[in-house]
Amino acid sequence: MPKYMLTYIGGNQPSTAEEGKAHFAKYMSWLQALGDSALSPANSLKQSVLVNPDGSVTEESATNMSGFTLITADSLEAAVNVAKRCPFLEIGGQLEVSEIVDMPPPK
């Protein structure tokens, strides 16, 4: 079955601790509903740096990516439908859905 990465981009922090707890509960419920299709359900990112072609390092993100979830789905359309139900969209975030290409192992 094809694998997909749901990339979390942006999103607003809840304005109160109570809103944060309520949103987190909705998010965890959504993840739980994914069942076995969630290969790697919650991968939050903390600090990002950008390594440039000349080897220099810039302390900023080029994408504003805040995390990702790996899932299996029958098709890109099915993966998009999973993403459309994610509570992350309710806090102003975007989800980029990408099919993962299986590469041969290095020899």
Foldseek 3Di string as FASTA:
>chain_A
DWKKKKWKADFDQDPDPVVNVVLVVQQVVLQVVLPPQWPAAWFFDDFDWDQDPVRDIHRDDPTRTGTITMGDDPDQVRVVVSVVSHSRVVRVIHIDMDIDDDDDDDD
